């Protein structure tokens, strides 16, 4: 459960980061 929860957080963070880079681009 802890791994799944951490994985979801990681994916969310990566999505936000990608959006930020996309906006910067």
PDBML (XML) file of the C-alpha atoms, coordinates in Angstrom:
<?xml version="1.0" encoding="UTF-8" ?>
<PDBx:datablock datablockName="MODEL"
   xmlns:PDBx="http://pdbml.pdb.org/schema/pdbx-v50.xsd"
   xmlns:xsi="http://www.w3.org/2001/XMLSchema-instance"
   xsi:schemaLocation="http://pdbml.pdb.org/schema/pdbx-v50.xsd pdbx-v50.xsd">
   <PDBx:atom_siteCategory>
      <PDBx:atom_site id="1">
         <PDBx:B_iso_or_equiv>0.00</PDBx:B_iso_or_equiv>
         <PDBx:Cartn_x>0.000</PDBx:Cartn_x>
         <PDBx:Cartn_y>0.000</PDBx:Cartn_y>
         <PDBx:Cartn_z>0.000</PDBx:Cartn_z>
         <PDBx:auth_asym_id>A</PDBx:auth_asym_id>
         <PDBx:auth_atom_id>CA</PDBx:auth_atom_id>
         <PDBx:auth_comp_id>UNK</PDBx:auth_comp_id>
         <PDBx:auth_seq_id>1</PDBx:auth_seq_id>
         <PDBx:group_PDB>ATOM</PDBx:group_PDB>
         <PDBx:label_alt_id xsi:nil="true" />
         <PDBx:label_asym_id>A</PDBx:label_asym_id>
         <PDBx:label_atom_id>CA</PDBx:label_atom_id>
         <PDBx:label_comp_id>UNK</PDBx:label_comp_id>
         <PDBx:label_entity_id>1</PDBx:label_entity_id>
         <PDBx:label_seq_id>1</PDBx:label_seq_id>
         <PDBx:occupancy>1.00</PDBx:occupancy>
         <PDBx:pdbx_PDB_model_num>1</PDBx:pdbx_PDB_model_num>
         <PDBx:type_symbol>C</PDBx:type_symbol>
      </PDBx:atom_site>
      <PDBx:atom_site id="2">
         <PDBx:B_iso_or_equiv>0.00</PDBx:B_iso_or_equiv>
         <PDBx:Cartn_x>2.852</PDBx:Cartn_x>
         <PDBx:Cartn_y>2.359</PDBx:Cartn_y>
         <PDBx:Cartn_z>0.884</PDBx:Cartn_z>
         <PDBx:auth_asym_id>A</PDBx:auth_asym_id>
         <PDBx:auth_atom_id>CA</PDBx:auth_atom_id>
         <PDBx:auth_comp_id>UNK</PDBx:auth_comp_id>
         <PDBx:auth_seq_id>2</PDBx:auth_seq_id>
         <PDBx:group_PDB>ATOM</PDBx:group_PDB>
         <PDBx:label_alt_id xsi:nil="true" />
         <PDBx:label_asym_id>A</PDBx:label_asym_id>
         <PDBx:label_atom_id>CA</PDBx:label_atom_id>
         <PDBx:label_comp_id>UNK</PDBx:label_comp_id>
         <PDBx:label_entity_id>1</PDBx:label_entity_id>
         <PDBx:label_seq_id>2</PDBx:label_seq_id>
         <PDBx:occupancy>1.00</PDBx:occupancy>
         <PDBx:pdbx_PDB_model_num>1</PDBx:pdbx_PDB_model_num>
         <PDBx:type_symbol>C</PDBx:type_symbol>
      </PDBx:atom_site>
      <PDBx:atom_site id="3">
         <PDBx:B_iso_or_equiv>0.00</PDBx:B_iso_or_equiv>
         <PDBx:Cartn_x>4.585</PDBx:Cartn_x>
         <PDBx:Cartn_y>1.697</PDBx:Cartn_y>
         <PDBx:Cartn_z>-2.427</PDBx:Cartn_z>
         <PDBx:auth_asym_id>A</PDBx:auth_asym_id>
         <PDBx:auth_atom_id>CA</PDBx:auth_atom_id>
         <PDBx:auth_comp_id>UNK</PDBx:auth_comp_id>
         <PDBx:auth_seq_id>3</PDBx:auth_seq_id>
         <PDBx:group_PDB>ATOM</PDBx:group_PDB>
         <PDBx:label_alt_id xsi:nil="true" />
         <PDBx:label_asym_id>A</PDBx:label_asym_id>
         <PDBx:label_atom_id>CA</PDBx:label_atom_id>
         <PDBx:label_comp_id>UNK</PDBx:label_comp_id>
         <PDBx:label_entity_id>1</PDBx:label_entity_id>
         <PDBx:label_seq_id>3</PDBx:label_seq_id>
         <PDBx:occupancy>1.00</PDBx:occupancy>
         <PDBx:pdbx_PDB_model_num>1</PDBx:pdbx_PDB_model_num>
         <PDBx:type_symbol>C</PDBx:type_symbol>
      </PDBx:atom_site>
      <PDBx:atom_site id="4">
         <PDBx:B_iso_or_equiv>0.00</PDBx:B_iso_or_equiv>
         <PDBx:Cartn_x>1.367</PDBx:Cartn_x>
         <PDBx:Cartn_y>2.267</PDBx:Cartn_y>
         <PDBx:Cartn_z>-4.413</PDBx:Cartn_z>
         <PDBx:auth_asym_id>A</PDBx:auth_asym_id>
         <PDBx:auth_atom_id>CA</PDBx:auth_atom_id>
         <PDBx:auth_comp_id>UNK</PDBx:auth_comp_id>
         <PDBx:auth_seq_id>4</PDBx:auth_seq_id>
         <PDBx:group_PDB>ATOM</PDBx:group_PDB>
         <PDBx:label_alt_id xsi:nil="true" />
         <PDBx:label_asym_id>A</PDBx:label_asym_id>
         <PDBx:label_atom_id>CA</PDBx:label_atom_id>
         <PDBx:label_comp_id>UNK</PDBx:label_comp_id>
         <PDBx:label_entity_id>1</PDBx:label_entity_id>
         <PDBx:label_seq_id>4</PDBx:label_seq_id>
         <PDBx:occupancy>1.00</PDBx:occupancy>
         <PDBx:pdbx_PDB_model_num>1</PDBx:pdbx_PDB_model_num>
         <PDBx:type_symbol>C</PDBx:type_symbol>
      </PDBx:atom_site>
      <PDBx:atom_site id="5">
         <PDBx:B_iso_or_equiv>0.00</PDBx:B_iso_or_equiv>
         <PDBx:Cartn_x>0.692</PDBx:Cartn_x>
         <PDBx:Cartn_y>5.481</PDBx:Cartn_y>
         <PDBx:Cartn_z>-2.527</PDBx:Cartn_z>
         <PDBx:auth_asym_id>A</PDBx:auth_asym_id>
         <PDBx:auth_atom_id>CA</PDBx:auth_atom_id>
         <PDBx:auth_comp_id>UNK</PDBx:auth_comp_id>
         <PDBx:auth_seq_id>5</PDBx:auth_seq_id>
         <PDBx:group_PDB>ATOM</PDBx:group_PDB>
         <PDBx:label_alt_id xsi:nil="true" />
         <PDBx:label_asym_id>A</PDBx:label_asym_id>
         <PDBx:label_atom_id>CA</PDBx:label_atom_id>
         <PDBx:label_comp_id>UNK</PDBx:label_comp_id>
         <PDBx:label_entity_id>1</PDBx:label_entity_id>
         <PDBx:label_seq_id>5</PDBx:label_seq_id>
         <PDBx:occupancy>1.00</PDBx:occupancy>
         <PDBx:pdbx_PDB_model_num>1</PDBx:pdbx_PDB_model_num>
         <PDBx:type_symbol>C</PDBx:type_symbol>
      </PDBx:atom_site>
      <PDBx:atom_site id="6">
         <PDBx:B_iso_or_equiv>0.00</PDBx:B_iso_or_equiv>
         <PDBx:Cartn_x>4.253</PDBx:Cartn_x>
         <PDBx:Cartn_y>6.705</PDBx:Cartn_y>
         <PDBx:Cartn_z>-3.128</PDBx:Cartn_z>
         <PDBx:auth_asym_id>A</PDBx:auth_asym_id>
         <PDBx:auth_atom_id>CA</PDBx:auth_atom_id>
         <PDBx:auth_comp_id>UNK</PDBx:auth_comp_id>
         <PDBx:auth_seq_id>6</PDBx:auth_seq_id>
         <PDBx:group_PDB>ATOM</PDBx:group_PDB>
         <PDBx:label_alt_id xsi:nil="true" />
         <PDBx:label_asym_id>A</PDBx:label_asym_id>
         <PDBx:label_atom_id>CA</PDBx:label_atom_id>
         <PDBx:label_comp_id>UNK</PDBx:label_comp_id>
         <PDBx:label_entity_id>1</PDBx:label_entity_id>
         <PDBx:label_seq_id>6</PDBx:label_seq_id>
         <PDBx:occupancy>1.00</PDBx:occupancy>
         <PDBx:pdbx_PDB_model_num>1</PDBx:pdbx_PDB_model_num>
         <PDBx:type_symbol>C</PDBx:type_symbol>
      </PDBx:atom_site>
      <PDBx:atom_site id="7">
         <PDBx:B_iso_or_equiv>0.00</PDBx:B_iso_or_equiv>
         <PDBx:Cartn_x>4.041</PDBx:Cartn_x>
         <PDBx:Cartn_y>5.763</PDBx:Cartn_y>
         <PDBx:Cartn_z>-6.800</PDBx:Cartn_z>
         <PDBx:auth_asym_id>A</PDBx:auth_asym_id>
         <PDBx:auth_atom_id>CA</PDBx:auth_atom_id>
         <PDBx:auth_comp_id>UNK</PDBx:auth_comp_id>
         <PDBx:auth_seq_id>7</PDBx:auth_seq_id>
         <PDBx:group_PDB>ATOM</PDBx:group_PDB>
         <PDBx:label_alt_id xsi:nil="true" />
         <PDBx:label_asym_id>A</PDBx:label_asym_id>
         <PDBx:label_atom_id>CA</PDBx:label_atom_id>
         <PDBx:label_comp_id>UNK</PDBx:label_comp_id>
         <PDBx:label_entity_id>1</PDBx:label_entity_id>
         <PDBx:label_seq_id>7</PDBx:label_seq_id>
         <PDBx:occupancy>1.00</PDBx:occupancy>
         <PDBx:pdbx_PDB_model_num>1</PDBx:pdbx_PDB_model_num>
         <PDBx:type_symbol>C</PDBx:type_symbol>
      </PDBx:atom_site>
      <PDBx:atom_site id="8">
         <PDBx:B_iso_or_equiv>0.00</PDBx:B_iso_or_equiv>
         <PDBx:Cartn_x>0.849</PDBx:Cartn_x>
         <PDBx:Cartn_y>7.803</PDBx:Cartn_y>
         <PDBx:Cartn_z>-7.258</PDBx:Cartn_z>
         <PDBx:auth_asym_id>A</PDBx:auth_asym_id>
         <PDBx:auth_atom_id>CA</PDBx:auth_atom_id>
         <PDBx:auth_comp_id>UNK</PDBx:auth_comp_id>
         <PDBx:auth_seq_id>8</PDBx:auth_seq_id>
         <PDBx:group_PDB>ATOM</PDBx:group_PDB>
         <PDBx:label_alt_id xsi:nil="true" />
         <PDBx:label_asym_id>A</PDBx:label_asym_id>
         <PDBx:label_atom_id>CA</PDBx:label_atom_id>
         <PDBx:label_comp_id>UNK</PDBx:label_comp_id>
         <PDBx:label_entity_id>1</PDBx:label_entity_id>
         <PDBx:label_seq_id>8</PDBx:label_seq_id>
         <PDBx:occupancy>1.00</PDBx:occupancy>
         <PDBx:pdbx_PDB_model_num>1</PDBx:pdbx_PDB_model_num>
         <PDBx:type_symbol>C</PDBx:type_symbol>
      </PDBx:atom_site>
      <PDBx:atom_site id="9">
         <PDBx:B_iso_or_equiv>0.00</PDBx:B_iso_or_equiv>
         <PDBx:Cartn_x>2.510</PDBx:Cartn_x>
         <PDBx:Cartn_y>10.819</PDBx:Cartn_y>
         <PDBx:Cartn_z>-5.606</PDBx:Cartn_z>
         <PDBx:auth_asym_id>A</PDBx:auth_asym_id>
         <PDBx:auth_atom_id>CA</PDBx:auth_atom_id>
         <PDBx:auth_comp_id>UNK</PDBx:auth_comp_id>
         <PDBx:auth_seq_id>9</PDBx:auth_seq_id>
         <PDBx:group_PDB>ATOM</PDBx:group_PDB>
         <PDBx:label_alt_id xsi:nil="true" />
         <PDBx:label_asym_id>A</PDBx:label_asym_id>
         <PDBx:label_atom_id>CA</PDBx:label_atom_id>
         <PDBx:label_comp_id>UNK</PDBx:label_comp_id>
         <PDBx:label_entity_id>1</PDBx:label_entity_id>
         <PDBx:label_seq_id>9</PDBx:label_seq_id>
         <PDBx:occupancy>1.00</PDBx:occupancy>
         <PDBx:pdbx_PDB_model_num>1</PDBx:pdbx_PDB_model_num>
         <PDBx:type_symbol>C</PDBx:type_symbol>
      </PDBx:atom_site>
      <PDBx:atom_site id="10">
         <PDBx:B_iso_or_equiv>0.00</PDBx:B_iso_or_equiv>
         <PDBx:Cartn_x>5.547</PDBx:Cartn_x>
         <PDBx:Cartn_y>10.419</PDBx:Cartn_y>
         <PDBx:Cartn_z>-7.826</PDBx:Cartn_z>
         <PDBx:auth_asym_id>A</PDBx:auth_asym_id>
         <PDBx:auth_atom_id>CA</PDBx:auth_atom_id>
         <PDBx:auth_comp_id>UNK</PDBx:auth_comp_id>
         <PDBx:auth_seq_id>10</PDBx:auth_seq_id>
         <PDBx:group_PDB>ATOM</PDBx:group_PDB>
         <PDBx:label_alt_id xsi:nil="true" />
         <PDBx:label_asym_id>A</PDBx:label_asym_id>
         <PDBx:label_atom_id>CA</PDBx:label_atom_id>
         <PDBx:label_comp_id>UNK</PDBx:label_comp_id>
         <PDBx:label_entity_id>1</PDBx:label_entity_id>
         <PDBx:label_seq_id>10</PDBx:label_seq_id>
         <PDBx:occupancy>1.00</PDBx:occupancy>
         <PDBx:pdbx_PDB_model_num>1</PDBx:pdbx_PDB_model_num>
         <PDBx:type_symbol>C</PDBx:type_symbol>
      </PDBx:atom_site>
      <PDBx:atom_site id="11">
         <PDBx:B_iso_or_equiv>0.00</PDBx:B_iso_or_equiv>
         <PDBx:Cartn_x>3.435</PDBx:Cartn_x>
         <PDBx:Cartn_y>10.278</PDBx:Cartn_y>
         <PDBx:Cartn_z>-10.994</PDBx:Cartn_z>
         <PDBx:auth_asym_id>A</PDBx:auth_asym_id>
         <PDBx:auth_atom_id>CA</PDBx:auth_atom_id>
         <PDBx:auth_comp_id>UNK</PDBx:auth_comp_id>
         <PDBx:auth_seq_id>11</PDBx:auth_seq_id>
         <PDBx:group_PDB>ATOM</PDBx:group_PDB>
         <PDBx:label_alt_id xsi:nil="true" />
         <PDBx:label_asym_id>A</PDBx:label_asym_id>
         <PDBx:label_atom_id>CA</PDBx:label_atom_id>
         <PDBx:label_comp_id>UNK</PDBx:label_comp_id>
         <PDBx:label_entity_id>1</PDBx:label_entity_id>
         <PDBx:label_seq_id>11</PDBx:label_seq_id>
         <PDBx:occupancy>1.00</PDBx:occupancy>
         <PDBx:pdbx_PDB_model_num>1</PDBx:pdbx_PDB_model_num>
         <PDBx:type_symbol>C</PDBx:type_symbol>
      </PDBx:atom_site>
      <PDBx:atom_site id="12">
         <PDBx:B_iso_or_equiv>0.00</PDBx:B_iso_or_equiv>
         <PDBx:Cartn_x>1.510</PDBx:Cartn_x>
         <PDBx:Cartn_y>13.347</PDBx:Cartn_y>
         <PDBx:Cartn_z>-9.903</PDBx:Cartn_z>
         <PDBx:auth_asym_id>A</PDBx:auth_asym_id>
         <PDBx:auth_atom_id>CA</PDBx:auth_atom_id>
         <PDBx:auth_comp_id>UNK</PDBx:auth_comp_id>
         <PDBx:auth_seq_id>12</PDBx:auth_seq_id>
         <PDBx:group_PDB>ATOM</PDBx:group_PDB>
         <PDBx:label_alt_id xsi:nil="true" />
         <PDBx:label_asym_id>A</PDBx:label_asym_id>
         <PDBx:label_atom_id>CA</PDBx:label_atom_id>
         <PDBx:label_comp_id>UNK</PDBx:label_comp_id>
         <PDBx:label_entity_id>1</PDBx:label_entity_id>
         <PDBx:label_seq_id>12</PDBx:label_seq_id>
         <PDBx:occupancy>1.00</PDBx:occupancy>
         <PDBx:pdbx_PDB_model_num>1</PDBx:pdbx_PDB_model_num>
         <PDBx:type_symbol>C</PDBx:type_symbol>
      </PDBx:atom_site>
      <PDBx:atom_site id="13">
         <PDBx:B_iso_or_equiv>0.00</PDBx:B_iso_or_equiv>
         <PDBx:Cartn_x>4.730</PDBx:Cartn_x>
         <PDBx:Cartn_y>15.235</PDBx:Cartn_y>
         <PDBx:Cartn_z>-9.215</PDBx:Cartn_z>
         <PDBx:auth_asym_id>A</PDBx:auth_asym_id>
         <PDBx:auth_atom_id>CA</PDBx:auth_atom_id>
         <PDBx:auth_comp_id>UNK</PDBx:auth_comp_id>
         <PDBx:auth_seq_id>13</PDBx:auth_seq_id>
         <PDBx:group_PDB>ATOM</PDBx:group_PDB>
         <PDBx:label_alt_id xsi:nil="true" />
         <PDBx:label_asym_id>A</PDBx:label_asym_id>
         <PDBx:label_atom_id>CA</PDBx:label_atom_id>
         <PDBx:label_comp_id>UNK</PDBx:label_comp_id>
         <PDBx:label_entity_id>1</PDBx:label_entity_id>
         <PDBx:label_seq_id>13</PDBx:label_seq_id>
         <PDBx:occupancy>1.00</PDBx:occupancy>
         <PDBx:pdbx_PDB_model_num>1</PDBx:pdbx_PDB_model_num>
         <PDBx:type_symbol>C</PDBx:type_symbol>
      </PDBx:atom_site>
      <PDBx:atom_site id="14">
         <PDBx:B_iso_or_equiv>0.00</PDBx:B_iso_or_equiv>
         <PDBx:Cartn_x>6.140</PDBx:Cartn_x>
         <PDBx:Cartn_y>14.240</PDBx:Cartn_y>
         <PDBx:Cartn_z>-12.590</PDBx:Cartn_z>
         <PDBx:auth_asym_id>A</PDBx:auth_asym_id>
         <PDBx:auth_atom_id>CA</PDBx:auth_atom_id>
         <PDBx:auth_comp_id>UNK</PDBx:auth_comp_id>
         <PDBx:auth_seq_id>14</PDBx:auth_seq_id>
         <PDBx:group_PDB>ATOM</PDBx:group_PDB>
         <PDBx:label_alt_id xsi:nil="true" />
         <PDBx:label_asym_id>A</PDBx:label_asym_id>
         <PDBx:label_atom_id>CA</PDBx:label_atom_id>
         <PDBx:label_comp_id>UNK</PDBx:label_comp_id>
         <PDBx:label_entity_id>1</PDBx:label_entity_id>
         <PDBx:label_seq_id>14</PDBx:label_seq_id>
         <PDBx:occupancy>1.00</PDBx:occupancy>
         <PDBx:pdbx_PDB_model_num>1</PDBx:pdbx_PDB_model_num>
         <PDBx:type_symbol>C</PDBx:type_symbol>
      </PDBx:atom_site>
      <PDBx:atom_site id="15">
         <PDBx:B_iso_or_equiv>0.00</PDBx:B_iso_or_equiv>
         <PDBx:Cartn_x>2.949</PDBx:Cartn_x>
         <PDBx:Cartn_y>15.413</PDBx:Cartn_y>
         <PDBx:Cartn_z>-14.297</PDBx:Cartn_z>
         <PDBx:auth_asym_id>A</PDBx:auth_asym_id>
         <PDBx:auth_atom_id>CA</PDBx:auth_atom_id>
         <PDBx:auth_comp_id>UNK</PDBx:auth_comp_id>
         <PDBx:auth_seq_id>15</PDBx:auth_seq_id>
         <PDBx:group_PDB>ATOM</PDBx:group_PDB>
         <PDBx:label_alt_id xsi:nil="true" />
         <PDBx:label_asym_id>A</PDBx:label_asym_id>
         <PDBx:label_atom_id>CA</PDBx:label_atom_id>
         <PDBx:label_comp_id>UNK</PDBx:label_comp_id>
         <PDBx:label_entity_id>1</PDBx:label_entity_id>
         <PDBx:label_seq_id>15</PDBx:label_seq_id>
         <PDBx:occupancy>1.00</PDBx:occupancy>
         <PDBx:pdbx_PDB_model_num>1</PDBx:pdbx_PDB_model_num>
         <PDBx:type_symbol>C</PDBx:type_symbol>
      </PDBx:atom_site>
      <PDBx:atom_site id="16">
         <PDBx:B_iso_or_equiv>0.00</PDBx:B_iso_or_equiv>
         <PDBx:Cartn_x>3.131</PDBx:Cartn_x>
         <PDBx:Cartn_y>18.787</PDBx:Cartn_y>
         <PDBx:Cartn_z>-12.603</PDBx:Cartn_z>
         <PDBx:auth_asym_id>A</PDBx:auth_asym_id>
         <PDBx:auth_atom_id>CA</PDBx:auth_atom_id>
         <PDBx:auth_comp_id>UNK</PDBx:auth_comp_id>
         <PDBx:auth_seq_id>16</PDBx:auth_seq_id>
         <PDBx:group_PDB>ATOM</PDBx:group_PDB>
         <PDBx:label_alt_id xsi:nil="true" />
         <PDBx:label_asym_id>A</PDBx:label_asym_id>
         <PDBx:label_atom_id>CA</PDBx:label_atom_id>
         <PDBx:label_comp_id>UNK</PDBx:label_comp_id>
         <PDBx:label_entity_id>1</PDBx:label_entity_id>
         <PDBx:label_seq_id>16</PDBx:label_seq_id>
         <PDBx:occupancy>1.00</PDBx:occupancy>
         <PDBx:pdbx_PDB_model_num>1</PDBx:pdbx_PDB_model_num>
         <PDBx:type_symbol>C</PDBx:type_symbol>
      </PDBx:atom_site>
      <PDBx:atom_site id="17">
         <PDBx:B_iso_or_equiv>0.00</PDBx:B_iso_or_equiv>
         <PDBx:Cartn_x>6.815</PDBx:Cartn_x>
         <PDBx:Cartn_y>19.100</PDBx:Cartn_y>
         <PDBx:Cartn_z>-13.500</PDBx:Cartn_z>
         <PDBx:auth_asym_id>A</PDBx:auth_asym_id>
         <PDBx:auth_atom_id>CA</PDBx:auth_atom_id>
         <PDBx:auth_comp_id>UNK</PDBx:auth_comp_id>
         <PDBx:auth_seq_id>17</PDBx:auth_seq_id>
         <PDBx:group_PDB>ATOM</PDBx:group_PDB>
         <PDBx:label_alt_id xsi:nil="true" />
         <PDBx:label_asym_id>A</PDBx:label_asym_id>
         <PDBx:label_atom_id>CA</PDBx:label_atom_id>
         <PDBx:label_comp_id>UNK</PDBx:label_comp_id>
         <PDBx:label_entity_id>1</PDBx:label_entity_id>
         <PDBx:label_seq_id>17</PDBx:label_seq_id>
         <PDBx:occupancy>1.00</PDBx:occupancy>
         <PDBx:pdbx_PDB_model_num>1</PDBx:pdbx_PDB_model_num>
         <PDBx:type_symbol>C</PDBx:type_symbol>
      </PDBx:atom_site>
      <PDBx:atom_site id="18">
         <PDBx:B_iso_or_equiv>0.00</PDBx:B_iso_or_equiv>
         <PDBx:Cartn_x>6.109</PDBx:Cartn_x>
         <PDBx:Cartn_y>18.198</PDBx:Cartn_y>
         <PDBx:Cartn_z>-17.131</PDBx:Cartn_z>
         <PDBx:auth_asym_id>A</PDBx:auth_asym_id>
         <PDBx:auth_atom_id>CA</PDBx:auth_atom_id>
         <PDBx:auth_comp_id>UNK</PDBx:auth_comp_id>
         <PDBx:auth_seq_id>18</PDBx:auth_seq_id>
         <PDBx:group_PDB>ATOM</PDBx:group_PDB>
         <PDBx:label_alt_id xsi:nil="true" />
         <PDBx:label_asym_id>A</PDBx:label_asym_id>
         <PDBx:label_atom_id>CA</PDBx:label_atom_id>
         <PDBx:label_comp_id>UNK</PDBx:label_comp_id>
         <PDBx:label_entity_id>1</PDBx:label_entity_id>
         <PDBx:label_seq_id>18</PDBx:label_seq_id>
         <PDBx:occupancy>1.00</PDBx:occupancy>
         <PDBx:pdbx_PDB_model_num>1</PDBx:pdbx_PDB_model_num>
         <PDBx:type_symbol>C</PDBx:type_symbol>
      </PDBx:atom_site>
      <PDBx:atom_site id="19">
         <PDBx:B_iso_or_equiv>0.00</PDBx:B_iso_or_equiv>
         <PDBx:Cartn_x>3.338</PDBx:Cartn_x>
         <PDBx:Cartn_y>20.782</PDBx:Cartn_y>
         <PDBx:Cartn_z>-17.283</PDBx:Cartn_z>
         <PDBx:auth_asym_id>A</PDBx:auth_asym_id>
         <PDBx:auth_atom_id>CA</PDBx:auth_atom_id>
         <PDBx:auth_comp_id>UNK</PDBx:auth_comp_id>
         <PDBx:auth_seq_id>19</PDBx:auth_seq_id>
         <PDBx:group_PDB>ATOM</PDBx:group_PDB>
         <PDBx:label_alt_id xsi:nil="true" />
         <PDBx:label_asym_id>A</PDBx:label_asym_id>
         <PDBx:label_atom_id>CA</PDBx:label_atom_id>
         <PDBx:label_comp_id>UNK</PDBx:label_comp_id>
         <PDBx:label_entity_id>1</PDBx:label_entity_id>
         <PDBx:label_seq_id>19</PDBx:label_seq_id>
         <PDBx:occupancy>1.00</PDBx:occupancy>
         <PDBx:pdbx_PDB_model_num>1</PDBx:pdbx_PDB_model_num>
         <PDBx:type_symbol>C</PDBx:type_symbol>
      </PDBx:atom_site>
      <PDBx:atom_site id="20">
         <PDBx:B_iso_or_equiv>0.00</PDBx:B_iso_or_equiv>
         <PDBx:Cartn_x>5.656</PDBx:Cartn_x>
         <PDBx:Cartn_y>23.377</PDBx:Cartn_y>
         <PDBx:Cartn_z>-15.823</PDBx:Cartn_z>
         <PDBx:auth_asym_id>A</PDBx:auth_asym_id>
         <PDBx:auth_atom_id>CA</PDBx:auth_atom_id>
         <PDBx:auth_comp_id>UNK</PDBx:auth_comp_id>
         <PDBx:auth_seq_id>20</PDBx:auth_seq_id>
         <PDBx:group_PDB>ATOM</PDBx:group_PDB>
         <PDBx:label_alt_id xsi:nil="true" />
         <PDBx:label_asym_id>A</PDBx:label_asym_id>
         <PDBx:label_atom_id>CA</PDBx:label_atom_id>
         <PDBx:label_comp_id>UNK</PDBx:label_comp_id>
         <PDBx:label_entity_id>1</PDBx:label_entity_id>
         <PDBx:label_seq_id>20</PDBx:label_seq_id>
         <PDBx:occupancy>1.00</PDBx:occupancy>
         <PDBx:pdbx_PDB_model_num>1</PDBx:pdbx_PDB_model_num>
         <PDBx:type_symbol>C</PDBx:type_symbol>
      </PDBx:atom_site>
      <PDBx:atom_site id="21">
         <PDBx:B_iso_or_equiv>0.00</PDBx:B_iso_or_equiv>
         <PDBx:Cartn_x>8.333</PDBx:Cartn_x>
         <PDBx:Cartn_y>22.602</PDBx:Cartn_y>
         <PDBx:Cartn_z>-18.421</PDBx:Cartn_z>
         <PDBx:auth_asym_id>A</PDBx:auth_asym_id>
         <PDBx:auth_atom_id>CA</PDBx:auth_atom_id>
         <PDBx:auth_comp_id>UNK</PDBx:auth_comp_id>
         <PDBx:auth_seq_id>21</PDBx:auth_seq_id>
         <PDBx:group_PDB>ATOM</PDBx:group_PDB>
         <PDBx:label_alt_id xsi:nil="true" />
         <PDBx:label_asym_id>A</PDBx:label_asym_id>
         <PDBx:label_atom_id>CA</PDBx:label_atom_id>
         <PDBx:label_comp_id>UNK</PDBx:label_comp_id>
         <PDBx:label_entity_id>1</PDBx:label_entity_id>
         <PDBx:label_seq_id>21</PDBx:label_seq_id>
         <PDBx:occupancy>1.00</PDBx:occupancy>
         <PDBx:pdbx_PDB_model_num>1</PDBx:pdbx_PDB_model_num>
         <PDBx:type_symbol>C</PDBx:type_symbol>
      </PDBx:atom_site>
      <PDBx:atom_site id="22">
         <PDBx:B_iso_or_equiv>0.00</PDBx:B_iso_or_equiv>
         <PDBx:Cartn_x>5.708</PDBx:Cartn_x>
         <PDBx:Cartn_y>22.659</PDBx:Cartn_y>
         <PDBx:Cartn_z>-21.155</PDBx:Cartn_z>
         <PDBx:auth_asym_id>A</PDBx:auth_asym_id>
         <PDBx:auth_atom_id>CA</PDBx:auth_atom_id>
         <PDBx:auth_comp_id>UNK</PDBx:auth_comp_id>
         <PDBx:auth_seq_id>22</PDBx:auth_seq_id>
         <PDBx:group_PDB>ATOM</PDBx:group_PDB>
         <PDBx:label_alt_id xsi:nil="true" />
         <PDBx:label_asym_id>A</PDBx:label_asym_id>
         <PDBx:label_atom_id>CA</PDBx:label_atom_id>
         <PDBx:label_comp_id>UNK</PDBx:label_comp_id>
         <PDBx:label_entity_id>1</PDBx:label_entity_id>
         <PDBx:label_seq_id>22</PDBx:label_seq_id>
         <PDBx:occupancy>1.00</PDBx:occupancy>
         <PDBx:pdbx_PDB_model_num>1</PDBx:pdbx_PDB_model_num>
         <PDBx:type_symbol>C</PDBx:type_symbol>
      </PDBx:atom_site>
      <PDBx:atom_site id="23">
         <PDBx:B_iso_or_equiv>0.00</PDBx:B_iso_or_equiv>
         <PDBx:Cartn_x>4.530</PDBx:Cartn_x>
         <PDBx:Cartn_y>26.091</PDBx:Cartn_y>
         <PDBx:Cartn_z>-20.039</PDBx:Cartn_z>
         <PDBx:auth_asym_id>A</PDBx:auth_asym_id>
         <PDBx:auth_atom_id>CA</PDBx:auth_atom_id>
         <PDBx:auth_comp_id>UNK</PDBx:auth_comp_id>
         <PDBx:auth_seq_id>23</PDBx:auth_seq_id>
         <PDBx:group_PDB>ATOM</PDBx:group_PDB>
         <PDBx:label_alt_id xsi:nil="true" />
         <PDBx:label_asym_id>A</PDBx:label_asym_id>
         <PDBx:label_atom_id>CA</PDBx:label_atom_id>
         <PDBx:label_comp_id>UNK</PDBx:label_comp_id>
         <PDBx:label_entity_id>1</PDBx:label_entity_id>
         <PDBx:label_seq_id>23</PDBx:label_seq_id>
         <PDBx:occupancy>1.00</PDBx:occupancy>
         <PDBx:pdbx_PDB_model_num>1</PDBx:pdbx_PDB_model_num>
         <PDBx:type_symbol>C</PDBx:type_symbol>
      </PDBx:atom_site>
      <PDBx:atom_site id="24">
         <PDBx:B_iso_or_equiv>0.00</PDBx:B_iso_or_equiv>
         <PDBx:Cartn_x>8.106</PDBx:Cartn_x>
         <PDBx:Cartn_y>27.311</PDBx:Cartn_y>
         <PDBx:Cartn_z>-19.823</PDBx:Cartn_z>
         <PDBx:auth_asym_id>A</PDBx:auth_asym_id>
         <PDBx:auth_atom_id>CA</PDBx:auth_atom_id>
         <PDBx:auth_comp_id>UNK</PDBx:auth_comp_id>
         <PDBx:auth_seq_id>24</PDBx:auth_seq_id>
         <PDBx:group_PDB>ATOM</PDBx:group_PDB>
         <PDBx:label_alt_id xsi:nil="true" />
         <PDBx:label_asym_id>A</PDBx:label_asym_id>
         <PDBx:label_atom_id>CA</PDBx:label_atom_id>
         <PDBx:label_comp_id>UNK</PDBx:label_comp_id>
         <PDBx:label_entity_id>1</PDBx:label_entity_id>
         <PDBx:label_seq_id>24</PDBx:label_seq_id>
         <PDBx:occupancy>1.00</PDBx:occupancy>
         <PDBx:pdbx_PDB_model_num>1</PDBx:pdbx_PDB_model_num>
         <PDBx:type_symbol>C</PDBx:type_symbol>
      </PDBx:atom_site>
      <PDBx:atom_site id="25">
         <PDBx:B_iso_or_equiv>0.00</PDBx:B_iso_or_equiv>
         <PDBx:Cartn_x>8.742</PDBx:Cartn_x>
         <PDBx:Cartn_y>25.959</PDBx:Cartn_y>
         <PDBx:Cartn_z>-23.323</PDBx:Cartn_z>
         <PDBx:auth_asym_id>A</PDBx:auth_asym_id>
         <PDBx:auth_atom_id>CA</PDBx:auth_atom_id>
         <PDBx:auth_comp_id>UNK</PDBx:auth_comp_id>
         <PDBx:auth_seq_id>25</PDBx:auth_seq_id>
         <PDBx:group_PDB>ATOM</PDBx:group_PDB>
         <PDBx:label_alt_id xsi:nil="true" />
         <PDBx:label_asym_id>A</PDBx:label_asym_id>
         <PDBx:label_atom_id>CA</PDBx:label_atom_id>
         <PDBx:label_comp_id>UNK</PDBx:label_comp_id>
         <PDBx:label_entity_id>1</PDBx:label_entity_id>
         <PDBx:label_seq_id>25</PDBx:label_seq_id>
         <PDBx:occupancy>1.00</PDBx:occupancy>
         <PDBx:pdbx_PDB_model_num>1</PDBx:pdbx_PDB_model_num>
         <PDBx:type_symbol>C</PDBx:type_symbol>
      </PDBx:atom_site>
   </PDBx:atom_siteCategory>
</PDBx:datablock>
